[in-house]
Amino acid sequence: MEAAPSLTGRLLVATPVLTDPNFSRSVVLLLDHDAQGALGVVLNRPTPVDVAAVLDGWAPLAGAPAVLFQGGPVALDSALAVAVVPGEDHSAAPLGWRRVHGAIGLVDLEAPPEVLAGVLGGMRVFAGYSGWSPGQLEEEIAEGAWHLVDCEAGDVSCAQPDRLWREVLRRQRGPLAMLATYPDDPLLN
């Protein structure tokens, strides 16, 4: 049996029927997807906690808003960072950065921040992550909980994360773009 293609580097955009408060109107960047399951971070859930309060040395590299984002409901006491390395050639990844897809990669928060200071574009720090067991994500997509779309480098460091769900949908073709106008509460429509 042939393995399903990896969804690593793609976005999961919650459909309006997904009402789980952890994922309602969320945009999730998939950092890893294979036979063992999937792992991602929610790109549009800022917290009120400044990056400087938790990872002081990394604060100057964090994109605006420079706050922690809730990456998902799993391991909220752990942090991971995602950043864009501008430029065309990502074959020689900078020390402390591992490519996920295109210009988007994971930052090693154990590395000295000054090593990456002149290299990183927008960086986000996430408390926790979103995880799926083998086959779970594929089932959720088949059930209509998620739309799978391409990620753009700017999605990682969107300056207005509260607008990201609508912006990602709006740039899609066809009926999917219409979902961007879906009201917050359809009963009030």
N, C-alpha and C. Protein backbone atom coordinates (compact mmCIF):
# COMPACT_ATOMS: atom_id res chain seq x y z
N MET A 1 0.84 -1.18 0.00
CA MET A 1 0.00 0.00 0.00
C MET A 1 0.89 1.24 0.00
N GLU A 2 0.57 2.18 -0.85
CA GLU A 2 1.34 3.40 -0.99
C GLU A 2 1.00 4.38 0.12
N ALA A 3 2.02 5.03 0.67
CA ALA A 3 1.81 6.00 1.75
C ALA A 3 1.13 7.24 1.20
N ALA A 4 0.26 7.82 2.02
CA ALA A 4 -0.42 9.06 1.64
C ALA A 4 0.62 10.17 1.59
N PRO A 5 0.42 11.15 0.70
CA PRO A 5 1.38 12.26 0.64
C PRO A 5 1.38 13.05 1.95
N SER A 6 2.54 13.54 2.31
CA SER A 6 2.68 14.33 3.52
C SER A 6 1.99 15.68 3.36
N LEU A 7 1.35 16.12 4.42
CA LEU A 7 0.68 17.42 4.43
C LEU A 7 1.55 18.47 5.14
N THR A 8 2.78 18.11 5.47
CA THR A 8 3.69 19.03 6.14
C THR A 8 3.82 20.33 5.34
N GLY A 9 3.71 21.45 6.04
CA GLY A 9 3.84 22.76 5.40
C GLY A 9 2.54 23.32 4.88
N ARG A 10 1.46 22.56 4.96
CA ARG A 10 0.16 23.05 4.50
C ARG A 10 -0.60 23.65 5.67
N LEU A 11 -1.67 24.36 5.38
CA LEU A 11 -2.53 24.95 6.40
C LEU A 11 -3.82 24.16 6.52
N LEU A 12 -4.26 24.01 7.74
CA LEU A 12 -5.60 23.51 8.03
C LEU A 12 -6.41 24.74 8.42
N VAL A 13 -7.51 24.97 7.72
CA VAL A 13 -8.39 26.09 8.05
C VAL A 13 -9.69 25.49 8.56
N ALA A 14 -10.03 25.80 9.80
CA ALA A 14 -11.23 25.24 10.42
C ALA A 14 -12.47 25.65 9.63
N THR A 15 -13.34 24.69 9.38
CA THR A 15 -14.62 25.00 8.74
C THR A 15 -15.55 25.55 9.81
N PRO A 16 -16.60 26.26 9.42
CA PRO A 16 -17.53 26.81 10.41
C PRO A 16 -18.19 25.74 11.29
N VAL A 17 -18.24 24.50 10.84
CA VAL A 17 -18.87 23.45 11.64
C VAL A 17 -17.97 22.95 12.77
N LEU A 18 -16.69 23.30 12.75
CA LEU A 18 -15.77 22.89 13.80
C LEU A 18 -15.95 23.84 14.99
N THR A 19 -16.60 23.36 16.03
CA THR A 19 -16.95 24.23 17.15
C THR A 19 -16.09 23.98 18.39
N ASP A 20 -15.16 23.04 18.34
CA ASP A 20 -14.24 22.83 19.46
C ASP A 20 -13.56 24.16 19.75
N PRO A 21 -13.66 24.69 20.99
CA PRO A 21 -13.09 26.01 21.29
C PRO A 21 -11.58 26.11 21.02
N ASN A 22 -10.87 24.99 21.04
CA ASN A 22 -9.44 25.02 20.74
C ASN A 22 -9.17 25.32 19.27
N PHE A 23 -10.16 25.02 18.41
CA PHE A 23 -9.91 25.13 16.97
C PHE A 23 -10.95 25.94 16.20
N SER A 24 -11.94 26.49 16.85
CA SER A 24 -12.95 27.29 16.17
C SER A 24 -12.28 28.45 15.43
N ARG A 25 -12.52 28.54 14.14
CA ARG A 25 -11.95 29.59 13.27
C ARG A 25 -10.43 29.66 13.34
N SER A 26 -9.81 28.52 13.52
CA SER A 26 -8.35 28.51 13.61
C SER A 26 -7.70 28.23 12.26
N VAL A 27 -6.44 28.63 12.18
CA VAL A 27 -5.58 28.34 11.04
C VAL A 27 -4.37 27.63 11.63
N VAL A 28 -4.17 26.38 11.23
CA VAL A 28 -3.10 25.56 11.79
C VAL A 28 -2.05 25.29 10.73
N LEU A 29 -0.80 25.57 11.05
CA LEU A 29 0.32 25.22 10.17
C LEU A 29 0.80 23.84 10.57
N LEU A 30 0.79 22.91 9.62
CA LEU A 30 1.26 21.55 9.88
C LEU A 30 2.78 21.51 9.79
N LEU A 31 3.42 21.22 10.92
CA LEU A 31 4.88 21.17 10.99
C LEU A 31 5.41 19.78 10.70
N ASP A 32 4.57 18.77 10.87
CA ASP A 32 4.98 17.40 10.63
C ASP A 32 3.75 16.55 10.38
N HIS A 33 3.81 15.70 9.36
CA HIS A 33 2.72 14.79 9.05
C HIS A 33 3.31 13.55 8.40
N ASP A 34 3.11 12.42 9.05
CA ASP A 34 3.60 11.15 8.51
C ASP A 34 2.75 10.01 9.07
N ALA A 35 3.21 8.79 8.93
CA ALA A 35 2.46 7.62 9.38
C ALA A 35 2.23 7.61 10.89
N GLN A 36 3.04 8.36 11.65
CA GLN A 36 2.88 8.42 13.11
C GLN A 36 1.86 9.46 13.56
N GLY A 37 1.34 10.26 12.63
CA GLY A 37 0.36 11.27 12.98
C GLY A 37 0.75 12.63 12.45
N ALA A 38 0.23 13.67 13.10
CA ALA A 38 0.49 15.03 12.64
C ALA A 38 0.68 15.95 13.83
N LEU A 39 1.46 17.01 13.59
CA LEU A 39 1.73 18.02 14.61
C LEU A 39 1.70 19.38 13.93
N GLY A 40 1.06 20.33 14.57
CA GLY A 40 1.00 21.68 14.01
C GLY A 40 0.83 22.72 15.10
N VAL A 41 0.77 23.97 14.69
CA VAL A 41 0.53 25.08 15.62
C VAL A 41 -0.56 25.99 15.06
N VAL A 42 -1.39 26.48 15.97
CA VAL A 42 -2.45 27.41 15.60
C VAL A 42 -1.80 28.78 15.42
N LEU A 43 -1.94 29.35 14.24
CA LEU A 43 -1.27 30.62 13.92
C LEU A 43 -2.03 31.86 14.40
N ASN A 44 -3.30 31.69 14.77
CA ASN A 44 -4.10 32.88 15.06
C ASN A 44 -4.71 32.89 16.47
N ARG A 45 -3.93 32.43 17.47
CA ARG A 45 -4.39 32.47 18.85
C ARG A 45 -3.36 33.17 19.75
N PRO A 46 -3.24 34.51 19.63
CA PRO A 46 -2.30 35.23 20.49
C PRO A 46 -2.77 35.19 21.94
N THR A 47 -1.80 35.18 22.85
CA THR A 47 -2.10 35.27 24.28
C THR A 47 -1.68 36.67 24.74
N PRO A 48 -2.02 37.05 25.95
CA PRO A 48 -1.58 38.37 26.44
C PRO A 48 -0.14 38.36 26.98
N VAL A 49 0.54 37.21 26.93
CA VAL A 49 1.88 37.08 27.51
C VAL A 49 2.95 37.50 26.50
N ASP A 50 3.76 38.47 26.87
CA ASP A 50 4.85 38.91 26.00
C ASP A 50 5.94 37.84 25.91
N VAL A 51 6.54 37.71 24.74
CA VAL A 51 7.65 36.77 24.56
C VAL A 51 8.76 37.11 25.54
N ALA A 52 9.01 38.38 25.78
CA ALA A 52 10.07 38.82 26.69
C ALA A 52 9.88 38.27 28.10
N ALA A 53 8.64 38.04 28.51
CA ALA A 53 8.37 37.53 29.85
C ALA A 53 8.77 36.07 30.01
N VAL A 54 8.92 35.36 28.90
CA VAL A 54 9.20 33.93 28.95
C VAL A 54 10.56 33.59 28.33
N LEU A 55 10.87 34.19 27.21
CA LEU A 55 12.12 33.93 26.48
C LEU A 55 12.76 35.26 26.11
N ASP A 56 13.28 35.93 27.10
CA ASP A 56 13.77 37.30 26.94
C ASP A 56 14.72 37.48 25.74
N GLY A 57 15.69 36.60 25.58
CA GLY A 57 16.66 36.76 24.49
C GLY A 57 16.04 36.68 23.11
N TRP A 58 14.89 36.01 22.99
CA TRP A 58 14.24 35.85 21.68
C TRP A 58 13.27 36.98 21.37
N ALA A 59 12.89 37.77 22.35
CA ALA A 59 11.89 38.82 22.16
C ALA A 59 12.20 39.77 21.00
N PRO A 60 13.45 40.23 20.82
CA PRO A 60 13.72 41.14 19.71
C PRO A 60 13.51 40.51 18.32
N LEU A 61 13.51 39.18 18.24
CA LEU A 61 13.33 38.50 16.95
C LEU A 61 11.87 38.16 16.66
N ALA A 62 11.02 38.28 17.67
CA ALA A 62 9.60 37.95 17.49
C ALA A 62 8.90 39.03 16.68
N GLY A 63 8.08 38.59 15.74
CA GLY A 63 7.29 39.52 14.93
C GLY A 63 6.14 40.11 15.73
N ALA A 64 5.63 41.24 15.28
CA ALA A 64 4.50 41.89 15.95
C ALA A 64 3.21 41.13 15.66
N PRO A 65 2.38 40.92 16.63
CA PRO A 65 2.56 41.24 18.03
C PRO A 65 3.55 40.26 18.69
N ALA A 66 4.47 40.78 19.50
CA ALA A 66 5.53 39.98 20.11
C ALA A 66 5.04 39.30 21.38
N VAL A 67 4.01 38.47 21.22
CA VAL A 67 3.42 37.73 22.34
C VAL A 67 3.51 36.24 22.03
N LEU A 68 3.32 35.44 23.08
CA LEU A 68 3.21 34.00 22.87
C LEU A 68 1.89 33.71 22.19
N PHE A 69 1.88 32.70 21.34
CA PHE A 69 0.66 32.24 20.71
C PHE A 69 0.35 30.86 21.28
N GLN A 70 -0.93 30.56 21.46
CA GLN A 70 -1.29 29.23 21.92
C GLN A 70 -1.32 28.33 20.70
N GLY A 71 -0.31 27.47 20.62
CA GLY A 71 -0.15 26.60 19.45
C GLY A 71 -1.15 25.47 19.39
N GLY A 72 -1.80 25.20 20.50
CA GLY A 72 -2.79 24.14 20.57
C GLY A 72 -2.94 23.68 22.00
N PRO A 73 -3.78 22.68 22.20
CA PRO A 73 -4.09 22.26 23.56
C PRO A 73 -3.08 21.30 24.19
N VAL A 74 -2.08 20.85 23.45
CA VAL A 74 -1.13 19.86 23.95
C VAL A 74 0.15 20.54 24.46
N ALA A 75 0.63 20.11 25.63
CA ALA A 75 1.90 20.56 26.21
C ALA A 75 2.02 22.09 26.28
N LEU A 76 1.07 22.71 26.93
CA LEU A 76 1.06 24.17 27.04
C LEU A 76 2.25 24.74 27.81
N ASP A 77 2.96 23.88 28.52
CA ASP A 77 4.13 24.34 29.26
C ASP A 77 5.43 24.24 28.45
N SER A 78 5.30 23.89 27.19
CA SER A 78 6.49 23.84 26.32
C SER A 78 6.37 24.92 25.24
N ALA A 79 7.51 25.32 24.70
CA ALA A 79 7.51 26.36 23.67
C ALA A 79 8.22 25.86 22.43
N LEU A 80 7.73 26.29 21.29
CA LEU A 80 8.44 26.08 20.04
C LEU A 80 8.25 27.32 19.20
N ALA A 81 9.18 27.54 18.30
CA ALA A 81 9.16 28.76 17.48
C ALA A 81 9.23 28.40 16.01
N VAL A 82 8.51 29.17 15.23
CA VAL A 82 8.49 29.02 13.77
C VAL A 82 8.91 30.36 13.19
N ALA A 83 9.76 30.31 12.18
CA ALA A 83 10.24 31.55 11.56
C ALA A 83 10.45 31.36 10.07
N VAL A 84 10.48 32.46 9.40
CA VAL A 84 10.74 32.51 7.96
C VAL A 84 12.18 32.97 7.77
N VAL A 85 12.87 32.30 6.86
CA VAL A 85 14.20 32.75 6.46
C VAL A 85 14.05 33.29 5.05
N PRO A 86 14.09 34.61 4.88
CA PRO A 86 13.91 35.21 3.56
C PRO A 86 15.00 34.77 2.58
N GLY A 87 14.67 34.84 1.32
CA GLY A 87 15.64 34.48 0.29
C GLY A 87 15.20 33.25 -0.48
N GLU A 88 15.93 32.95 -1.52
CA GLU A 88 15.57 31.85 -2.41
C GLU A 88 16.22 30.53 -2.04
N ASP A 89 17.47 30.57 -1.57
CA ASP A 89 18.22 29.34 -1.34
C ASP A 89 18.08 28.88 0.11
N HIS A 90 17.32 27.80 0.29
CA HIS A 90 17.16 27.25 1.63
C HIS A 90 17.81 25.88 1.74
N SER A 91 18.70 25.57 0.80
CA SER A 91 19.40 24.29 0.83
C SER A 91 20.41 24.25 1.97
N ALA A 92 21.05 25.38 2.25
CA ALA A 92 22.00 25.47 3.35
C ALA A 92 21.31 26.20 4.50
N ALA A 93 20.57 25.46 5.32
CA ALA A 93 19.82 26.06 6.41
C ALA A 93 20.76 26.66 7.44
N PRO A 94 20.41 27.84 7.95
CA PRO A 94 21.25 28.44 8.99
C PRO A 94 21.23 27.59 10.26
N LEU A 95 22.31 27.64 11.00
CA LEU A 95 22.44 26.93 12.25
C LEU A 95 21.31 27.37 13.19
N GLY A 96 20.58 26.43 13.77
CA GLY A 96 19.50 26.76 14.68
C GLY A 96 18.14 26.88 14.03
N TRP A 97 18.04 26.55 12.74
CA TRP A 97 16.78 26.63 12.00
C TRP A 97 16.66 25.37 11.15
N ARG A 98 15.50 24.70 11.20
CA ARG A 98 15.27 23.50 10.39
C ARG A 98 14.07 23.73 9.48
N ARG A 99 14.32 23.62 8.19
CA ARG A 99 13.27 23.87 7.19
C ARG A 99 12.11 22.89 7.35
N VAL A 100 10.90 23.43 7.33
CA VAL A 100 9.67 22.64 7.33
C VAL A 100 9.14 22.59 5.90
N HIS A 101 9.03 23.77 5.29
CA HIS A 101 8.49 23.87 3.93
C HIS A 101 8.87 25.24 3.37
N GLY A 102 9.51 25.26 2.21
CA GLY A 102 9.88 26.53 1.60
C GLY A 102 10.76 27.35 2.54
N ALA A 103 10.35 28.58 2.79
CA ALA A 103 11.11 29.49 3.65
C ALA A 103 10.73 29.37 5.12
N ILE A 104 9.79 28.47 5.44
CA ILE A 104 9.27 28.32 6.80
C ILE A 104 10.02 27.20 7.51
N GLY A 105 10.42 27.46 8.75
CA GLY A 105 11.12 26.42 9.50
C GLY A 105 10.98 26.58 11.00
N LEU A 106 11.46 25.56 11.70
CA LEU A 106 11.46 25.55 13.16
C LEU A 106 12.75 26.15 13.69
N VAL A 107 12.64 26.92 14.75
CA VAL A 107 13.78 27.55 15.38
C VAL A 107 14.16 26.73 16.62
N ASP A 108 15.44 26.48 16.78
CA ASP A 108 15.94 25.79 17.96
C ASP A 108 16.08 26.83 19.08
N LEU A 109 15.15 26.82 20.04
CA LEU A 109 15.17 27.81 21.11
C LEU A 109 16.29 27.56 22.11
N GLU A 110 17.02 26.46 21.96
CA GLU A 110 18.19 26.20 22.79
C GLU A 110 19.43 26.89 22.21
N ALA A 111 19.37 27.29 20.96
CA ALA A 111 20.49 27.98 20.30
C ALA A 111 20.56 29.42 20.82
N PRO A 112 21.73 30.03 20.78
CA PRO A 112 21.82 31.44 21.16
C PRO A 112 21.06 32.31 20.15
N PRO A 113 20.16 33.18 20.60
CA PRO A 113 19.38 34.02 19.68
C PRO A 113 20.24 34.83 18.72
N GLU A 114 21.42 35.27 19.18
CA GLU A 114 22.26 36.11 18.32
C GLU A 114 22.75 35.37 17.07
N VAL A 115 22.77 34.04 17.11
CA VAL A 115 23.18 33.25 15.94
C VAL A 115 22.20 33.45 14.78
N LEU A 116 20.91 33.63 15.11
CA LEU A 116 19.89 33.78 14.08
C LEU A 116 19.41 35.22 13.90
N ALA A 117 19.94 36.14 14.67
CA ALA A 117 19.44 37.52 14.67
C ALA A 117 19.41 38.17 13.29
N GLY A 118 20.41 37.97 12.47
CA GLY A 118 20.43 38.62 11.17
C GLY A 118 19.82 37.78 10.05
N VAL A 119 19.31 36.61 10.40
CA VAL A 119 18.85 35.66 9.38
C VAL A 119 17.34 35.54 9.31
N LEU A 120 16.67 35.57 10.47
CA LEU A 120 15.24 35.31 10.53
C LEU A 120 14.39 36.48 10.07
N GLY A 121 13.31 36.13 9.37
CA GLY A 121 12.26 37.10 9.09
C GLY A 121 11.28 37.01 10.25
N GLY A 122 10.00 37.00 9.97
CA GLY A 122 9.01 36.91 11.03
C GLY A 122 9.14 35.64 11.84
N MET A 123 9.15 35.78 13.17
CA MET A 123 9.22 34.62 14.05
C MET A 123 8.05 34.68 15.03
N ARG A 124 7.48 33.51 15.29
CA ARG A 124 6.42 33.38 16.28
C ARG A 124 6.83 32.32 17.28
N VAL A 125 6.50 32.56 18.56
CA VAL A 125 6.75 31.59 19.62
C VAL A 125 5.40 31.07 20.09
N PHE A 126 5.31 29.74 20.18
CA PHE A 126 4.06 29.08 20.52
C PHE A 126 4.19 28.31 21.82
N ALA A 127 3.19 28.47 22.68
CA ALA A 127 3.07 27.66 23.88
C ALA A 127 2.15 26.50 23.51
N GLY A 128 2.68 25.30 23.54
CA GLY A 128 1.89 24.14 23.18
C GLY A 128 1.80 23.92 21.69
N TYR A 129 1.12 22.85 21.33
CA TYR A 129 0.96 22.49 19.92
C TYR A 129 -0.33 21.71 19.74
N SER A 130 -0.66 21.44 18.51
CA SER A 130 -1.82 20.64 18.14
C SER A 130 -1.32 19.31 17.61
N GLY A 131 -1.91 18.22 18.06
CA GLY A 131 -1.44 16.91 17.62
C GLY A 131 -2.58 15.98 17.26
N TRP A 132 -2.30 15.10 16.32
CA TRP A 132 -3.26 14.11 15.86
C TRP A 132 -2.59 12.75 15.80
N SER A 133 -3.28 11.72 16.24
CA SER A 133 -2.76 10.36 16.17
C SER A 133 -2.85 9.87 14.72
N PRO A 134 -2.21 8.73 14.41
CA PRO A 134 -2.24 8.23 13.03
C PRO A 134 -3.68 8.10 12.50
N GLY A 135 -3.93 8.70 11.36
CA GLY A 135 -5.24 8.63 10.71
C GLY A 135 -6.28 9.60 11.23
N GLN A 136 -6.08 10.17 12.40
CA GLN A 136 -7.08 11.07 12.99
C GLN A 136 -7.30 12.32 12.16
N LEU A 137 -6.22 12.96 11.72
CA LEU A 137 -6.36 14.18 10.93
C LEU A 137 -7.06 13.89 9.60
N GLU A 138 -6.68 12.81 8.95
CA GLU A 138 -7.30 12.44 7.68
C GLU A 138 -8.81 12.23 7.86
N GLU A 139 -9.20 11.62 9.00
CA GLU A 139 -10.63 11.42 9.28
C GLU A 139 -11.33 12.76 9.48
N GLU A 140 -10.69 13.68 10.21
CA GLU A 140 -11.30 14.98 10.44
C GLU A 140 -11.46 15.76 9.14
N ILE A 141 -10.49 15.65 8.24
CA ILE A 141 -10.59 16.32 6.94
C ILE A 141 -11.74 15.70 6.14
N ALA A 142 -11.82 14.38 6.13
CA ALA A 142 -12.89 13.68 5.39
C ALA A 142 -14.27 14.01 5.94
N GLU A 143 -14.35 14.25 7.25
CA GLU A 143 -15.64 14.60 7.88
C GLU A 143 -16.02 16.06 7.66
N GLY A 144 -15.13 16.86 7.07
CA GLY A 144 -15.44 18.26 6.77
C GLY A 144 -15.09 19.25 7.87
N ALA A 145 -14.22 18.85 8.80
CA ALA A 145 -13.84 19.77 9.88
C ALA A 145 -12.79 20.78 9.42
N TRP A 146 -11.99 20.42 8.43
CA TRP A 146 -10.88 21.25 7.98
C TRP A 146 -10.86 21.40 6.46
N HIS A 147 -10.41 22.58 6.03
CA HIS A 147 -10.04 22.79 4.62
C HIS A 147 -8.52 22.76 4.59
N LEU A 148 -7.96 22.09 3.62
CA LEU A 148 -6.52 22.00 3.47
C LEU A 148 -6.10 22.94 2.35
N VAL A 149 -5.25 23.92 2.67
CA VAL A 149 -4.83 24.92 1.68
C VAL A 149 -3.33 25.15 1.77
N ASP A 150 -2.79 25.82 0.77
CA ASP A 150 -1.36 26.12 0.76
C ASP A 150 -1.05 27.26 1.73
N CYS A 151 0.12 27.18 2.31
CA CYS A 151 0.60 28.20 3.23
C CYS A 151 1.45 29.21 2.46
N GLU A 152 1.37 30.46 2.86
CA GLU A 152 2.27 31.49 2.36
C GLU A 152 3.15 31.92 3.51
N ALA A 153 4.38 32.29 3.22
CA ALA A 153 5.33 32.64 4.27
C ALA A 153 4.79 33.72 5.21
N GLY A 154 4.03 34.66 4.71
CA GLY A 154 3.48 35.74 5.53
C GLY A 154 2.44 35.28 6.54
N ASP A 155 1.88 34.09 6.35
CA ASP A 155 0.88 33.58 7.29
C ASP A 155 1.49 33.36 8.67
N VAL A 156 2.76 32.99 8.70
CA VAL A 156 3.44 32.68 9.96
C VAL A 156 3.51 33.91 10.85
N SER A 157 3.71 35.09 10.28
CA SER A 157 3.90 36.30 11.09
C SER A 157 2.86 37.37 10.78
N CYS A 158 1.65 36.95 10.46
CA CYS A 158 0.58 37.90 10.16
C CYS A 158 0.43 38.90 11.31
N ALA A 159 0.51 40.19 10.99
CA ALA A 159 0.47 41.24 12.01
C ALA A 159 -0.90 41.36 12.68
N GLN A 160 -1.94 40.88 12.01
CA GLN A 160 -3.29 40.92 12.58
C GLN A 160 -3.84 39.49 12.62
N PRO A 161 -3.38 38.69 13.58
CA PRO A 161 -3.77 37.28 13.62
C PRO A 161 -5.27 37.05 13.73
N ASP A 162 -6.01 38.00 14.30
CA ASP A 162 -7.45 37.84 14.41
C ASP A 162 -8.14 37.89 13.04
N ARG A 163 -7.44 38.34 12.02
CA ARG A 163 -8.01 38.41 10.66
C ARG A 163 -7.51 37.28 9.75
N LEU A 164 -6.58 36.45 10.26
CA LEU A 164 -5.94 35.44 9.42
C LEU A 164 -6.92 34.43 8.84
N TRP A 165 -7.89 33.95 9.63
CA TRP A 165 -8.85 32.96 9.15
C TRP A 165 -9.57 33.48 7.89
N ARG A 166 -10.08 34.69 7.97
CA ARG A 166 -10.79 35.28 6.82
C ARG A 166 -9.84 35.55 5.65
N GLU A 167 -8.63 36.04 5.94
CA GLU A 167 -7.68 36.35 4.87
C GLU A 167 -7.26 35.10 4.10
N VAL A 168 -6.99 34.01 4.81
CA VAL A 168 -6.59 32.77 4.13
C VAL A 168 -7.73 32.26 3.26
N LEU A 169 -8.95 32.29 3.78
CA LEU A 169 -10.09 31.84 2.97
C LEU A 169 -10.32 32.75 1.77
N ARG A 170 -10.21 34.05 1.99
CA ARG A 170 -10.48 35.02 0.92
C ARG A 170 -9.56 34.82 -0.29
N ARG A 171 -8.34 34.37 -0.08
CA ARG A 171 -7.42 34.21 -1.21
C ARG A 171 -7.59 32.89 -1.96
N GLN A 172 -8.50 32.02 -1.50
CA GLN A 172 -8.75 30.76 -2.19
C GLN A 172 -9.66 31.00 -3.38
N ARG A 173 -9.68 30.04 -4.27
CA ARG A 173 -10.53 30.15 -5.47
C ARG A 173 -11.89 29.50 -5.22
N GLY A 174 -12.89 29.99 -5.93
CA GLY A 174 -14.20 29.37 -5.91
C GLY A 174 -14.96 29.53 -4.60
N PRO A 175 -15.81 28.54 -4.30
CA PRO A 175 -16.71 28.64 -3.15
C PRO A 175 -15.99 28.79 -1.80
N LEU A 176 -14.78 28.30 -1.72
CA LEU A 176 -14.04 28.40 -0.46
C LEU A 176 -13.82 29.86 -0.06
N ALA A 177 -13.61 30.73 -1.03
CA ALA A 177 -13.43 32.16 -0.75
C ALA A 177 -14.68 32.77 -0.12
N MET A 178 -15.83 32.24 -0.46
CA MET A 178 -17.09 32.77 0.09
C MET A 178 -17.20 32.51 1.60
N LEU A 179 -16.54 31.47 2.09
CA LEU A 179 -16.60 31.18 3.53
C LEU A 179 -16.01 32.32 4.36
N ALA A 180 -15.17 33.14 3.76
CA ALA A 180 -14.59 34.27 4.49
C ALA A 180 -15.66 35.23 4.99
N THR A 181 -16.83 35.20 4.37
CA THR A 181 -17.92 36.09 4.78
C THR A 181 -18.88 35.43 5.75
N TYR A 182 -18.59 34.19 6.13
CA TYR A 182 -19.46 33.46 7.06
C TYR A 182 -19.54 34.22 8.38
N PRO A 183 -20.74 34.50 8.86
CA PRO A 183 -20.88 35.29 10.09
C PRO A 183 -20.39 34.53 11.33
N ASP A 184 -19.96 35.28 12.33
CA ASP A 184 -19.52 34.67 13.59
C ASP A 184 -20.64 33.85 14.20
N ASP A 185 -21.86 34.36 14.16
CA ASP A 185 -23.02 33.64 14.67
C ASP A 185 -24.10 33.66 13.59
N PRO A 186 -24.25 32.54 12.85
CA PRO A 186 -25.22 32.53 11.76
C PRO A 186 -26.66 32.76 12.22
N LEU A 187 -26.96 32.55 13.49
CA LEU A 187 -28.31 32.78 13.98
C LEU A 187 -28.67 34.26 14.03
N LEU A 188 -27.64 35.11 14.05
CA LEU A 188 -27.87 36.56 14.06
C LEU A 188 -27.94 37.15 12.66
N ASN A 189 -27.82 36.31 11.67
CA ASN A 189 -27.80 36.75 10.28
C ASN A 189 -29.20 37.01 9.77
